[in-house]
PDB file of N, CA and C in Angstrom:
ATOM      1  N   MET A   1       2.425  23.257  22.398  1.00  0.00           N
ATOM      2  CA  MET A   1       2.789  22.192  21.940  1.00  0.00           C
ATOM      3  C   MET A   1       4.364  21.983  21.458  1.00  0.00           C
ATOM      4  N   LYS A   2       4.965  20.969  21.456  1.00  0.00           N
ATOM      5  CA  LYS A   2       6.335  20.682  21.192  1.00  0.00           C
ATOM      6  C   LYS A   2       6.514  20.545  19.743  1.00  0.00           C
ATOM      7  N   ALA A   3       7.680  21.196  19.123  1.00  0.00           N
ATOM      8  CA  ALA A   3       7.949  21.246  17.696  1.00  0.00           C
ATOM      9  C   ALA A   3       8.258  19.689  17.348  1.00  0.00           C
ATOM     10  N   ASP A   4       7.981  19.357  16.161  1.00  0.00           N
ATOM     11  CA  ASP A   4       8.391  18.191  15.580  1.00  0.00           C
ATOM     12  C   ASP A   4       9.883  18.100  15.591  1.00  0.00           C
ATOM     13  N   PRO A   5      10.555  17.209  15.995  1.00  0.00           N
ATOM     14  CA  PRO A   5      12.014  16.946  15.905  1.00  0.00           C
ATOM     15  C   PRO A   5      12.722  16.966  14.589  1.00  0.00           C
ATOM     16  N   ILE A   6      11.743  16.588  13.421  1.00  0.00           N
ATOM     17  CA  ILE A   6      12.246  16.667  12.101  1.00  0.00           C
ATOM     18  C   ILE A   6      12.569  17.935  11.710  1.00  0.00           C
ATOM     19  N   LEU A   7      11.993  18.956  12.215  1.00  0.00           N
ATOM     20  CA  LEU A   7      12.245  20.391  11.757  1.00  0.00           C
ATOM     21  C   LEU A   7      13.667  20.871  11.980  1.00  0.00           C
ATOM     22  N   GLU A   8      14.379  20.360  13.044  1.00  0.00           N
ATOM     23  CA  GLU A   8      15.637  20.415  13.201  1.00  0.00           C
ATOM     24  C   GLU A   8      16.565  19.727  12.310  1.00  0.00           C
ATOM     25  N   VAL A   9      16.197  18.497  12.106  1.00  0.00           N
ATOM     26  CA  VAL A   9      17.185  17.800  11.141  1.00  0.00           C
ATOM     27  C   VAL A   9      17.020  18.527   9.691  1.00  0.00           C
ATOM     28  N   ILE A  10      15.944  19.043   9.336  1.00  0.00           N
ATOM     29  CA  ILE A  10      15.874  19.697   7.861  1.00  0.00           C
ATOM     30  C   ILE A  10      16.208  21.142   7.907  1.00  0.00           C
ATOM     31  N   SER A  11      16.540  21.615   9.004  1.00  0.00           N
ATOM     32  CA  SER A  11      16.542  23.208   9.183  1.00  0.00           C
ATOM     33  C   SER A  11      17.598  23.782   8.083  1.00  0.00           C
ATOM     34  N   SER A  12      18.567  23.266   7.767  1.00  0.00           N
ATOM     35  CA  SER A  12      19.546  23.714   6.708  1.00  0.00           C
ATOM     36  C   SER A  12      18.897  23.822   5.262  1.00  0.00           C
ATOM     37  N   ARG A  13      17.880  23.030   5.027  1.00  0.00           N
ATOM     38  CA  ARG A  13      17.316  22.810   3.879  1.00  0.00           C
ATOM     39  C   ARG A  13      16.133  23.576   3.753  1.00  0.00           C
ATOM     40  N   ARG A  14      15.698  24.262   4.724  1.00  0.00           N
ATOM     41  CA  ARG A  14      14.319  24.936   4.731  1.00  0.00           C
ATOM     42  C   ARG A  14      14.630  26.481   4.577  1.00  0.00           C
ATOM     43  N   PRO A  15      14.196  26.957   3.365  1.00  0.00           N
ATOM     44  CA  PRO A  15      14.391  28.346   3.043  1.00  0.00           C
ATOM     45  C   PRO A  15      13.477  29.277   4.212  1.00  0.00           C
ATOM     46  N   GLU A  16      13.827  30.532   4.482  1.00  0.00           N
ATOM     47  CA  GLU A  16      12.711  31.315   5.289  1.00  0.00           C
ATOM     48  C   GLU A  16      11.713  31.444   4.586  1.00  0.00           C
ATOM     49  N   GLY A  17      10.423  31.178   5.392  1.00  0.00           N
ATOM     50  CA  GLY A  17       9.067  31.365   4.779  1.00  0.00           C
ATOM     51  C   GLY A  17       8.607  30.116   4.252  1.00  0.00           C
ATOM     52  N   ALA A  18       9.341  29.115   4.197  1.00  0.00           N
ATOM     53  CA  ALA A  18       8.809  27.748   3.553  1.00  0.00           C
ATOM     54  C   ALA A  18       8.018  27.130   4.642  1.00  0.00           C
ATOM     55  N   VAL A  19       7.061  26.216   4.195  1.00  0.00           N
ATOM     56  CA  VAL A  19       6.137  25.477   4.974  1.00  0.00           C
ATOM     57  C   VAL A  19       6.526  24.181   4.887  1.00  0.00           C
ATOM     58  N   VAL A  20       6.249  23.284   5.987  1.00  0.00           N
ATOM     59  CA  VAL A  20       6.855  21.899   5.802  1.00  0.00           C
ATOM     60  C   VAL A  20       5.574  20.967   6.127  1.00  0.00           C
ATOM     61  N   TYR A  21       5.290  19.966   5.076  1.00  0.00           N
ATOM     62  CA  TYR A  21       4.438  18.966   5.199  1.00  0.00           C
ATOM     63  C   TYR A  21       4.765  17.819   5.598  1.00  0.00           C
ATOM     64  N   SER A  22       4.163  16.882   6.463  1.00  0.00           N
ATOM     65  CA  SER A  22       4.579  15.552   6.523  1.00  0.00           C
ATOM     66  C   SER A  22       3.739  14.738   5.424  1.00  0.00           C
ATOM     67  N   LEU A  23       4.483  13.783   4.745  1.00  0.00           N
ATOM     68  CA  LEU A  23       4.158  13.009   3.672  1.00  0.00           C
ATOM     69  C   LEU A  23       3.979  11.520   3.852  1.00  0.00           C
ATOM     70  N   THR A  24       3.201  10.675   3.288  1.00  0.00           N
ATOM     71  CA  THR A  24       3.095   9.371   3.079  1.00  0.00           C
ATOM     72  C   THR A  24       3.741   8.970   1.647  1.00  0.00           C
ATOM     73  N   ARG A  25       4.410   7.863   1.501  1.00  0.00           N
ATOM     74  CA  ARG A  25       4.902   7.481   0.223  1.00  0.00           C
ATOM     75  C   ARG A  25       4.332   6.158  -0.041  1.00  0.00           C
ATOM     76  N   LYS A  26       3.677   6.002  -1.298  1.00  0.00           N
ATOM     77  CA  LYS A  26       3.189   4.689  -1.729  1.00  0.00           C
ATOM     78  C   LYS A  26       3.709   4.502  -3.104  1.00  0.00           C
ATOM     79  N   LYS A  27       4.280   3.300  -3.414  1.00  0.00           N
ATOM     80  CA  LYS A  27       4.517   2.768  -4.719  1.00  0.00           C
ATOM     81  C   LYS A  27       3.453   2.775  -5.639  1.00  0.00           C
ATOM     82  N   ARG A  28       3.603   3.333  -6.879  1.00  0.00           N
ATOM     83  CA  ARG A  28       2.620   3.292  -7.771  1.00  0.00           C
ATOM     84  C   ARG A  28       2.807   2.081  -8.575  1.00  0.00           C
ATOM     85  N   ARG A  29       1.810   1.230  -8.731  1.00  0.00           N
ATOM     86  CA  ARG A  29       1.999  -0.009  -9.437  1.00  0.00           C
ATOM     87  C   ARG A  29       1.023  -0.083 -10.581  1.00  0.00           C
ATOM     88  N   SER A  30       1.432  -0.921 -11.608  1.00  0.00           N
ATOM     89  CA  SER A  30       0.397  -0.918 -12.661  1.00  0.00           C
ATOM     90  C   SER A  30      -0.648  -1.906 -12.279  1.00  0.00           C
ATOM     91  N   ILE A  31      -1.834  -1.707 -13.030  1.00  0.00           N
ATOM     92  CA  ILE A  31      -3.071  -2.539 -12.550  1.00  0.00           C
ATOM     93  C   ILE A  31      -2.755  -3.996 -12.751  1.00  0.00           C
ATOM     94  N   LEU A  32      -2.015  -4.577 -13.589  1.00  0.00           N
ATOM     95  CA  LEU A  32      -1.649  -5.798 -13.676  1.00  0.00           C
ATOM     96  C   LEU A  32      -0.827  -6.320 -12.523  1.00  0.00           C
ATOM     97  N   VAL A  33       0.071  -5.495 -12.132  1.00  0.00           N
ATOM     98  CA  VAL A  33       0.906  -5.864 -10.823  1.00  0.00           C
ATOM     99  C   VAL A  33      -0.028  -5.972  -9.505  1.00  0.00           C
ATOM    100  N   ALA A  34      -0.760  -4.933  -9.545  1.00  0.00           N
ATOM    101  CA  ALA A  34      -1.817  -4.708  -8.298  1.00  0.00           C
ATOM    102  C   ALA A  34      -2.620  -5.992  -8.343  1.00  0.00           C
ATOM    103  N   LEU A  35      -3.251  -6.459  -9.347  1.00  0.00           N
ATOM    104  CA  LEU A  35      -4.289  -7.456  -9.650  1.00  0.00           C
ATOM    105  C   LEU A  35      -3.488  -8.737  -9.118  1.00  0.00           C
ATOM    106  N   VAL A  36      -2.306  -8.990  -9.647  1.00  0.00           N
ATOM    107  CA  VAL A  36      -1.583 -10.175  -9.249  1.00  0.00           C
ATOM    108  C   VAL A  36      -1.208 -10.321  -7.921  1.00  0.00           C
ATOM    109  N   ASP A  37      -0.832  -9.114  -7.228  1.00  0.00           N
ATOM    110  CA  ASP A  37      -0.786  -9.050  -5.794  1.00  0.00           C
ATOM    111  C   ASP A  37      -2.099  -9.326  -5.139  1.00  0.00           C
ATOM    112  N   GLU A  38      -3.029  -8.720  -5.438  1.00  0.00           N
ATOM    113  CA  GLU A  38      -4.425  -9.025  -4.750  1.00  0.00           C
ATOM    114  C   GLU A  38      -4.567 -10.546  -4.908  1.00  0.00           C
ATOM    115  N   ILE A  39      -4.428 -11.116  -5.971  1.00  0.00           N
ATOM    116  CA  ILE A  39      -5.054 -12.594  -6.252  1.00  0.00           C
ATOM    117  C   ILE A  39      -4.155 -13.514  -5.325  1.00  0.00           C
ATOM    118  N   VAL A  40      -2.699 -13.084  -5.417  1.00  0.00           N
ATOM    119  CA  VAL A  40      -1.795 -14.074  -4.810  1.00  0.00           C
ATOM    120  C   VAL A  40      -1.526 -14.036  -3.263  1.00  0.00           C
ATOM    121  N   SER A  41      -1.712 -12.778  -2.930  1.00  0.00           N
ATOM    122  CA  SER A  41      -1.441 -12.439  -1.400  1.00  0.00           C
ATOM    123  C   SER A  41      -2.507 -11.697  -0.770  1.00  0.00           C
ATOM    124  N   GLY A  42      -3.450 -11.363  -1.419  1.00  0.00           N
ATOM    125  CA  GLY A  42      -4.634 -10.607  -0.920  1.00  0.00           C
ATOM    126  C   GLY A  42      -4.051  -9.112  -0.631  1.00  0.00           C
ATOM    127  N   GLY A  43      -3.195  -8.634  -1.208  1.00  0.00           N
ATOM    128  CA  GLY A  43      -2.680  -7.241  -1.222  1.00  0.00           C
ATOM    129  C   GLY A  43      -1.673  -7.173  -0.020  1.00  0.00           C
ATOM    130  N   ALA A  44      -1.040  -8.280   0.554  1.00  0.00           N
ATOM    131  CA  ALA A  44      -0.308  -8.431   1.719  1.00  0.00           C
ATOM    132  C   ALA A  44       1.207  -7.712   1.425  1.00  0.00           C
ATOM    133  N   LEU A  45       1.471  -8.082   0.131  1.00  0.00           N
ATOM    134  CA  LEU A  45       2.855  -7.671  -0.484  1.00  0.00           C
ATOM    135  C   LEU A  45       2.869  -6.180  -0.388  1.00  0.00           C
ATOM    136  N   ASP A  46       1.900  -5.477  -0.956  1.00  0.00           N
ATOM    137  CA  ASP A  46       1.865  -3.989  -1.069  1.00  0.00           C
ATOM    138  C   ASP A  46       1.916  -3.466   0.311  1.00  0.00           C
ATOM    139  N   THR A  47       0.990  -4.032   1.145  1.00  0.00           N
ATOM    140  CA  THR A  47       0.910  -3.537   2.592  1.00  0.00           C
ATOM    141  C   THR A  47       2.270  -3.550   3.219  1.00  0.00           C
ATOM    142  N   THR A  48       2.742  -4.668   3.123  1.00  0.00           N
ATOM    143  CA  THR A  48       4.005  -5.016   3.957  1.00  0.00           C
ATOM    144  C   THR A  48       5.207  -4.111   3.371  1.00  0.00           C
ATOM    145  N   MET A  49       5.403  -3.761   2.201  1.00  0.00           N
ATOM    146  CA  MET A  49       6.371  -2.824   1.656  1.00  0.00           C
ATOM    147  C   MET A  49       6.096  -1.490   2.001  1.00  0.00           C
ATOM    148  N   ASP A  50       4.863  -1.060   2.127  1.00  0.00           N
ATOM    149  CA  ASP A  50       4.450   0.431   2.624  1.00  0.00           C
ATOM    150  C   ASP A  50       4.900   0.475   3.990  1.00  0.00           C
ATOM    151  N   ILE A  51       4.555  -0.308   4.906  1.00  0.00           N
ATOM    152  CA  ILE A  51       4.776  -0.345   6.253  1.00  0.00           C
ATOM    153  C   ILE A  51       6.300  -0.313   6.436  1.00  0.00           C
ATOM    154  N   ALA A  52       7.141  -1.164   5.923  1.00  0.00           N
ATOM    155  CA  ALA A  52       8.470  -1.074   5.892  1.00  0.00           C
ATOM    156  C   ALA A  52       9.064   0.229   5.552  1.00  0.00           C
ATOM    157  N   ASP A  53       8.610   0.707   4.537  1.00  0.00           N
ATOM    158  CA  ASP A  53       8.945   2.089   4.039  1.00  0.00           C
ATOM    159  C   ASP A  53       8.799   3.182   5.090  1.00  0.00           C
ATOM    160  N   VAL A  54       7.636   3.173   5.636  1.00  0.00           N
ATOM    161  CA  VAL A  54       7.111   4.127   6.735  1.00  0.00           C
ATOM    162  C   VAL A  54       7.934   3.992   8.041  1.00  0.00           C
ATOM    163  N   VAL A  55       8.400   2.852   8.316  1.00  0.00           N
ATOM    164  CA  VAL A  55       9.157   2.762   9.527  1.00  0.00           C
ATOM    165  C   VAL A  55      10.421   3.322   9.318  1.00  0.00           C
ATOM    166  N   SER A  56      11.217   2.968   8.205  1.00  0.00           N
ATOM    167  CA  SER A  56      12.589   3.300   7.890  1.00  0.00           C
ATOM    168  C   SER A  56      12.861   4.638   7.541  1.00  0.00           C
ATOM    169  N   THR A  57      11.976   5.276   6.867  1.00  0.00           N
ATOM    170  CA  THR A  57      12.403   6.540   6.452  1.00  0.00           C
ATOM    171  C   THR A  57      10.885   7.614   6.511  1.00  0.00           C
ATOM    172  N   ARG A  58      11.000   8.754   6.930  1.00  0.00           N
ATOM    173  CA  ARG A  58      10.100   9.844   7.129  1.00  0.00           C
ATOM    174  C   ARG A  58      10.228  10.696   5.827  1.00  0.00           C
ATOM    175  N   HIS A  59       9.201  10.917   5.436  1.00  0.00           N
ATOM    176  CA  HIS A  59       9.139  11.918   4.161  1.00  0.00           C
ATOM    177  C   HIS A  59       8.285  13.315   4.446  1.00  0.00           C
ATOM    178  N   VAL A  60       8.859  14.436   4.084  1.00  0.00           N
ATOM    179  CA  VAL A  60       8.380  15.733   4.344  1.00  0.00           C
ATOM    180  C   VAL A  60       8.485  16.485   3.001  1.00  0.00           C
ATOM    181  N   LEU A  61       7.654  17.399   2.890  1.00  0.00           N
ATOM    182  CA  LEU A  61       7.668  18.394   1.752  1.00  0.00           C
ATOM    183  C   LEU A  61       8.265  19.813   2.338  1.00  0.00           C
ATOM    184  N   VAL A  62       9.254  20.316   1.676  1.00  0.00           N
ATOM    185  CA  VAL A  62       9.564  21.523   2.278  1.00  0.00           C
ATOM    186  C   VAL A  62       9.056  22.527   0.972  1.00  0.00           C
ATOM    187  N   ALA A  63       8.032  23.410   1.097  1.00  0.00           N
ATOM    188  CA  ALA A  63       7.504  24.130   0.107  1.00  0.00           C
ATOM    189  C   ALA A  63       7.428  25.649   0.149  1.00  0.00           C
ATOM    190  N   ASP A  64       8.143  26.432  -0.803  1.00  0.00           N
ATOM    191  CA  ASP A  64       8.005  27.852  -0.763  1.00  0.00           C
ATOM    192  C   ASP A  64       7.376  28.224  -2.387  1.00  0.00           C
ATOM    193  N   GLY A  65       7.378  29.471  -2.424  1.00  0.00           N
ATOM    194  CA  GLY A  65       6.659  30.107  -3.701  1.00  0.00           C
ATOM    195  C   GLY A  65       7.294  29.615  -4.855  1.00  0.00           C
ATOM    196  N   ARG A  66       8.533  29.326  -4.800  1.00  0.00           N
ATOM    197  CA  ARG A  66       9.467  28.940  -6.051  1.00  0.00           C
ATOM    198  C   ARG A  66       9.697  27.569  -6.399  1.00  0.00           C
ATOM    199  N   HIS A  67       9.692  26.767  -5.464  1.00  0.00           N
ATOM    200  CA  HIS A  67       9.733  25.365  -5.665  1.00  0.00           C
ATOM    201  C   HIS A  67       9.423  24.420  -4.258  1.00  0.00           C
ATOM    202  N   GLY A  68       9.260  23.293  -4.718  1.00  0.00           N
ATOM    203  CA  GLY A  68       8.990  22.180  -3.625  1.00  0.00           C
ATOM    204  C   GLY A  68      10.148  20.985  -3.633  1.00  0.00           C
ATOM    205  N   THR A  69      10.421  20.828  -2.390  1.00  0.00           N
ATOM    206  CA  THR A  69      11.314  19.763  -2.335  1.00  0.00           C
ATOM    207  C   THR A  69      10.968  18.459  -1.315  1.00  0.00           C
ATOM    208  N   ILE A  70      10.943  17.244  -1.749  1.00  0.00           N
ATOM    209  CA  ILE A  70      10.561  16.091  -0.809  1.00  0.00           C
ATOM    210  C   ILE A  70      11.924  15.788  -0.301  1.00  0.00           C
ATOM    211  N   LEU A  71      11.963  15.348   1.026  1.00  0.00           N
ATOM    212  CA  LEU A  71      13.158  15.052   1.788  1.00  0.00           C
ATOM    213  C   LEU A  71      12.821  13.888   2.559  1.00  0.00           C
ATOM    214  N   GLY A  72      13.659  12.969   2.495  1.00  0.00           N
ATOM    215  CA  GLY A  72      13.418  11.527   3.080  1.00  0.00           C
ATOM    216  C   GLY A  72      14.325  11.607   4.368  1.00  0.00           C
ATOM    217  N   VAL A  73      14.019  11.445   5.360  1.00  0.00           N
ATOM    218  CA  VAL A  73      14.700  11.504   6.695  1.00  0.00           C
ATOM    219  C   VAL A  73      14.749  10.240   7.513  1.00  0.00           C
ATOM    220  N   ARG A  74      16.047   9.771   7.792  1.00  0.00           N
ATOM    221  CA  ARG A  74      16.251   8.533   8.460  1.00  0.00           C
ATOM    222  C   ARG A  74      17.110   8.847   9.765  1.00  0.00           C
ATOM    223  N   GLY A  75      16.458   8.840  10.870  1.00  0.00           N
ATOM    224  CA  GLY A  75      17.378   9.145  12.351  1.00  0.00           C
ATOM    225  C   GLY A  75      17.341  10.679  12.203  1.00  0.00           C
ATOM    226  N   ASP A  76      18.535  11.222  12.248  1.00  0.00           N
ATOM    227  CA  ASP A  76      18.662  12.576  12.480  1.00  0.00           C
ATOM    228  C   ASP A  76      19.504  12.981  10.967  1.00  0.00           C
ATOM    229  N   GLN A  77      19.385  12.195   9.909  1.00  0.00           N
ATOM    230  CA  GLN A  77      19.905  12.462   8.656  1.00  0.00           C
ATOM    231  C   GLN A  77      19.069  12.661   7.583  1.00  0.00           C
ATOM    232  N   VAL A  78      19.154  13.564   6.455  1.00  0.00           N
ATOM    233  CA  VAL A  78      18.513  13.675   5.272  1.00  0.00           C
ATOM    234  C   VAL A  78      19.148  12.720   4.338  1.00  0.00           C
ATOM    235  N   VAL A  79      18.380  11.568   3.989  1.00  0.00           N
ATOM    236  CA  VAL A  79      18.965  10.646   3.238  1.00  0.00           C
ATOM    237  C   VAL A  79      18.454  10.577   1.652  1.00  0.00           C
ATOM    238  N   GLU A  80      17.543  11.522   1.335  1.00  0.00           N
ATOM    239  CA  GLU A  80      17.068  11.664   0.137  1.00  0.00           C
ATOM    240  C   GLU A  80      16.335  12.938  -0.172  1.00  0.00           C
ATOM    241  N   GLU A  81      16.587  13.555  -1.469  1.00  0.00           N
ATOM    242  CA  GLU A  81      16.238  15.061  -1.562  1.00  0.00           C
ATOM    243  C   GLU A  81      15.818  14.805  -3.161  1.00  0.00           C
ATOM    244  N   LEU A  82      14.606  15.148  -3.360  1.00  0.00           N
ATOM    245  CA  LEU A  82      13.783  15.245  -4.627  1.00  0.00           C
ATOM    246  C   LEU A  82      13.013  16.449  -4.926  1.00  0.00           C
ATOM    247  N   PRO A  83      13.349  17.072  -6.037  1.00  0.00           N
ATOM    248  CA  PRO A  83      12.666  18.096  -6.406  1.00  0.00           C
ATOM    249  C   PRO A  83      11.229  17.769  -6.909  1.00  0.00           C
ATOM    250  N   VAL A  84      10.364  18.427  -6.708  1.00  0.00           N
ATOM    251  CA  VAL A  84       8.917  18.245  -7.050  1.00  0.00           C
ATOM    252  C   VAL A  84       8.729  18.868  -8.526  1.00  0.00           C
ATOM    253  N   PRO A  85       8.514  17.822  -9.538  1.00  0.00           N
ATOM    254  CA  PRO A  85       8.551  18.328 -10.933  1.00  0.00           C
ATOM    255  C   PRO A  85       7.125  19.152 -10.932  1.00  0.00           C
ATOM    256  N   GLY A  86       7.339  20.050 -11.839  1.00  0.00           N
ATOM    257  CA  GLY A  86       6.059  20.934 -12.339  1.00  0.00           C
ATOM    258  C   GLY A  86       5.484  21.755 -11.156  1.00  0.00           C
ATOM    259  N   TRP A  87       6.370  22.101 -10.391  1.00  0.00           N
ATOM    260  CA  TRP A  87       6.021  22.954  -8.839  1.00  0.00           C
ATOM    261  C   TRP A  87       5.286  24.287  -9.425  1.00  0.00           C
ATOM    262  N   GLN A  88       3.968  24.276  -8.697  1.00  0.00           N
ATOM    263  CA  GLN A  88       3.306  25.536  -9.020  1.00  0.00           C
ATOM    264  C   GLN A  88       3.282  26.397  -7.664  1.00  0.00           C
ATOM    265  N   PRO A  89       3.565  27.749  -7.746  1.00  0.00           N
ATOM    266  CA  PRO A  89       3.463  28.610  -6.602  1.00  0.00           C
ATOM    267  C   PRO A  89       2.282  28.323  -5.632  1.00  0.00           C
ATOM    268  N   SER A  90       1.197  28.267  -6.089  1.00  0.00           N
ATOM    269  CA  SER A  90       0.081  28.001  -5.143  1.00  0.00           C
ATOM    270  C   SER A  90       0.003  26.662  -4.386  1.00  0.00           C
ATOM    271  N   TRP A  91       0.776  25.668  -4.785  1.00  0.00           N
ATOM    272  CA  TRP A  91       0.949  24.436  -3.891  1.00  0.00           C
ATOM    273  C   TRP A  91       1.411  24.652  -2.457  1.00  0.00           C
ATOM    274  N   LYS A  92       2.162  25.770  -2.379  1.00  0.00           N
ATOM    275  CA  LYS A  92       2.951  26.059  -1.083  1.00  0.00           C
ATOM    276  C   LYS A  92       1.679  25.889   0.016  1.00  0.00           C
ATOM    277  N   GLN A  93       0.329  26.433  -0.336  1.00  0.00           N
ATOM    278  CA  GLN A  93      -0.733  26.402   0.597  1.00  0.00           C
ATOM    279  C   GLN A  93      -1.719  25.175   0.374  1.00  0.00           C
ATOM    280  N   SER A  94      -1.725  24.817  -0.973  1.00  0.00           N
ATOM    281  CA  SER A  94      -2.829  23.806  -1.333  1.00  0.00           C
ATOM    282  C   SER A  94      -2.404  22.545  -1.628  1.00  0.00           C
ATOM    283  N   PHE A  95      -1.031  22.088  -1.332  1.00  0.00           N
ATOM    284  CA  PHE A  95      -0.515  20.828  -1.902  1.00  0.00           C
ATOM    285  C   PHE A  95      -1.298  19.793  -1.306  1.00  0.00           C
ATOM    286  N   THR A  96      -1.598  18.703  -2.163  1.00  0.00           N
ATOM    287  CA  THR A  96      -2.369  17.431  -1.598  1.00  0.00           C
ATOM    288  C   THR A  96      -1.499  16.291  -1.698  1.00  0.00           C
ATOM    289  N   LYS A  97      -1.071  16.261  -3.178  1.00  0.00           N
ATOM    290  CA  LYS A  97      -0.429  14.642  -3.582  1.00  0.00           C
ATOM    291  C   LYS A  97       0.491  15.127  -4.856  1.00  0.00           C
ATOM    292  N   VAL A  98       1.619  14.352  -4.961  1.00  0.00           N
ATOM    293  CA  VAL A  98       2.233  14.559  -6.368  1.00  0.00           C
ATOM    294  C   VAL A  98       2.923  13.178  -6.591  1.00  0.00           C
ATOM    295  N   ASP A  99       2.851  12.761  -7.908  1.00  0.00           N
ATOM    296  CA  ASP A  99       3.874  11.619  -8.363  1.00  0.00           C
ATOM    297  C   ASP A  99       5.124  12.047  -8.679  1.00  0.00           C
ATOM    298  N   VAL A 100       6.168  11.301  -8.245  1.00  0.00           N
ATOM    299  CA  VAL A 100       7.546  11.585  -8.535  1.00  0.00           C
ATOM    300  C   VAL A 100       8.255  10.289  -8.797  1.00  0.00           C
ATOM    301  N   GLY A 101       8.458   9.910 -10.083  1.00  0.00           N
ATOM    302  CA  GLY A 101       9.035   8.463 -10.428  1.00  0.00           C
ATOM    303  C   GLY A 101       7.990   7.560 -10.234  1.00  0.00           C
ATOM    304  N   LYS A 102       8.162   6.599  -9.659  1.00  0.00           N
ATOM    305  CA  LYS A 102       7.244   5.577  -9.464  1.00  0.00           C
ATOM    306  C   LYS A 102       6.582   5.364  -7.912  1.00  0.00           C
ATOM    307  N   ASP A 103       6.817   6.677  -7.365  1.00  0.00           N
ATOM    308  CA  ASP A 103       6.173   6.795  -6.038  1.00  0.00           C
ATOM    309  C   ASP A 103       5.077   7.891  -5.998  1.00  0.00           C
ATOM    310  N   ARG A 104       3.967   7.861  -5.159  1.00  0.00           N
ATOM    311  CA  ARG A 104       2.991   8.787  -5.134  1.00  0.00           C
ATOM    312  C   ARG A 104       3.227   9.333  -3.580  1.00  0.00           C
ATOM    313  N   TYR A 105       3.388  10.652  -3.314  1.00  0.00           N
ATOM    314  CA  TYR A 105       3.535  11.269  -2.298  1.00  0.00           C
ATOM    315  C   TYR A 105       2.179  11.931  -1.746  1.00  0.00           C
ATOM    316  N   THR A 106       1.559  11.863  -0.443  1.00  0.00           N
ATOM    317  CA  THR A 106       0.327  12.470  -0.293  1.00  0.00           C
ATOM    318  C   THR A 106       0.755  13.073   1.181  1.00  0.00           C
ATOM    319  N   LYS A 107       0.150  14.131   1.198  1.00  0.00           N
ATOM    320  CA  LYS A 107       0.081  14.975   2.357  1.00  0.00           C
ATOM    321  C   LYS A 107      -0.571  14.432   3.624  1.00  0.00           C
ATOM    322  N   THR A 108       0.030  14.407   4.658  1.00  0.00           N
ATOM    323  CA  THR A 108      -0.828  13.988   5.821  1.00  0.00           C
ATOM    324  C   THR A 108      -1.199  14.916   6.837  1.00  0.00           C
ATOM    325  N   ALA A 109      -0.127  16.029   6.922  1.00  0.00           N
ATOM    326  CA  ALA A 109      -0.339  17.318   7.794  1.00  0.00           C
ATOM    327  C   ALA A 109       0.743  18.267   7.763  1.00  0.00           C
ATOM    328  N   ARG A 110       0.254  19.320   8.050  1.00  0.00           N
ATOM    329  CA  ARG A 110       1.554  20.481   7.937  1.00  0.00           C
ATOM    330  C   ARG A 110       2.143  20.454   9.442  1.00  0.00           C
ATOM    331  N   ILE A 111       3.321  20.376   9.538  1.00  0.00           N
ATOM    332  CA  ILE A 111       4.173  20.209  10.881  1.00  0.00           C
ATOM    333  C   ILE A 111       4.951  21.378  11.256  1.00  0.00           C
ATOM    334  N   ASP A 112       4.970  22.478  10.690  1.00  0.00           N
ATOM    335  CA  ASP A 112       5.707  23.842  10.967  1.00  0.00           C
ATOM    336  C   ASP A 112       5.230  24.574  11.843  1.00  0.00           C
ATOM    337  N   GLY A 113       3.936  24.355  12.362  1.00  0.00           N
ATOM    338  CA  GLY A 113       3.472  25.178  13.255  1.00  0.00           C
ATOM    339  C   GLY A 113       2.257  25.904  12.877  1.00  0.00           C
TER     340      GLY A 113
END
């Protein structure tokens, strides 16, 4: 199987022994905003914003025993770098999701082989 090309883009930010997970990012919205969106547009606004985000920027988590870092990659450049708050060493193998700011990042797959 061919290696994911994003691994080459992030290689300088990947410590030896770190694992890499592909992530999805979704905006966390208040119940009121989500309800208004659902009533007014049937949830289309939320879905459209999420699709636009996925198309423009791919997110990955670089995880080792000491810390986790979320990287946003557009084309062949890292355009965003966010430390994961409250990182736990066990998350290197058991990570599922984390909230950072107003976004929720959820693991979709391990991509480092």
